[in-house]
Amino acid sequence: MNFLNLLKNFRDDESGAVTVDWVVLAAAIVLLGSVVLAAIRTATGTLAQNIATAIGKVNVE
């Protein structure tokens, strides 16, 4: 087998293509999850501060 045939076989081999697809898909899901969690964390922190301010303004007699 000469080097040219070896290169052609390597180019035509698709055995690892599915693995690459799953790795890319998993990375995209992790990235999207991180973005969503960051947005939720910021929003809940602001909401907690607003609630604390509102409770602090309540006057109990």
Protein backbone atom coordinates (compact mmCIF):
# COMPACT_ATOMS: atom_id res chain seq x y z
CA MET A 1 0.00 0.00 0.00
CA ASN A 2 1.53 3.27 -1.02
CA PHE A 3 1.28 6.57 0.78
CA LEU A 4 -1.34 7.99 -1.61
CA ASN A 5 -3.74 5.10 -0.93
CA LEU A 6 -3.16 5.55 2.79
CA LEU A 7 -4.14 9.23 2.53
CA LYS A 8 -7.26 8.40 0.49
CA ASN A 9 -8.36 5.82 3.06
CA PHE A 10 -7.79 8.31 5.88
CA ARG A 11 -9.81 10.99 4.08
CA ASP A 12 -12.72 8.62 3.38
CA ASP A 13 -12.87 7.13 6.89
CA GLU A 14 -15.84 8.56 8.81
CA SER A 15 -15.73 6.38 11.92
CA GLY A 16 -15.04 9.29 14.30
CA ALA A 17 -17.42 11.79 12.72
CA VAL A 18 -20.34 10.91 14.99
CA THR A 19 -18.17 11.32 18.07
CA VAL A 20 -17.13 14.78 16.95
CA ASP A 21 -20.77 15.72 16.37
CA TRP A 22 -21.73 14.61 19.89
CA VAL A 23 -18.81 16.46 21.46
CA VAL A 24 -19.79 19.68 19.68
CA LEU A 25 -23.44 19.21 20.66
CA ALA A 26 -22.53 18.56 24.30
CA ALA A 27 -20.27 21.63 24.39
CA ALA A 28 -23.07 23.78 22.96
CA ILE A 29 -25.51 22.51 25.60
CA VAL A 30 -23.05 23.22 28.41
CA LEU A 31 -22.38 26.71 27.06
CA LEU A 32 -26.09 27.46 26.71
CA GLY A 33 -26.73 26.18 30.22
CA SER A 34 -23.99 28.40 31.61
CA VAL A 35 -25.45 31.46 29.90
CA VAL A 36 -28.93 30.70 31.22
CA LEU A 37 -27.64 30.12 34.75
CA ALA A 38 -25.69 33.38 34.69
CA ALA A 39 -28.82 35.28 33.64
CA ILE A 40 -30.95 33.61 36.31
CA ARG A 41 -28.32 34.25 38.98
CA THR A 42 -28.25 37.97 38.18
CA ALA A 43 -32.04 38.24 38.09
CA THR A 44 -32.55 36.38 41.37
CA GLY A 45 -29.90 38.50 43.10
CA THR A 46 -31.65 41.68 42.01
CA LEU A 47 -35.03 40.29 43.06
CA ALA A 48 -33.68 39.33 46.48
CA GLN A 49 -32.31 42.84 46.98
CA ASN A 50 -35.66 44.37 45.99
CA ILE A 51 -37.51 42.10 48.42
CA ALA A 52 -35.07 42.95 51.22
CA THR A 53 -35.53 46.67 50.56
CA ALA A 54 -39.33 46.32 50.56
CA ILE A 55 -39.30 44.34 53.80
CA GLY A 56 -36.97 46.88 55.38
CA LYS A 57 -39.42 49.67 54.60
CA VAL A 58 -42.32 47.92 56.35
CA ASN A 59 -43.12 49.56 59.68
CA VAL A 60 -44.48 47.17 62.31
CA GLU A 61 -46.19 48.75 65.28
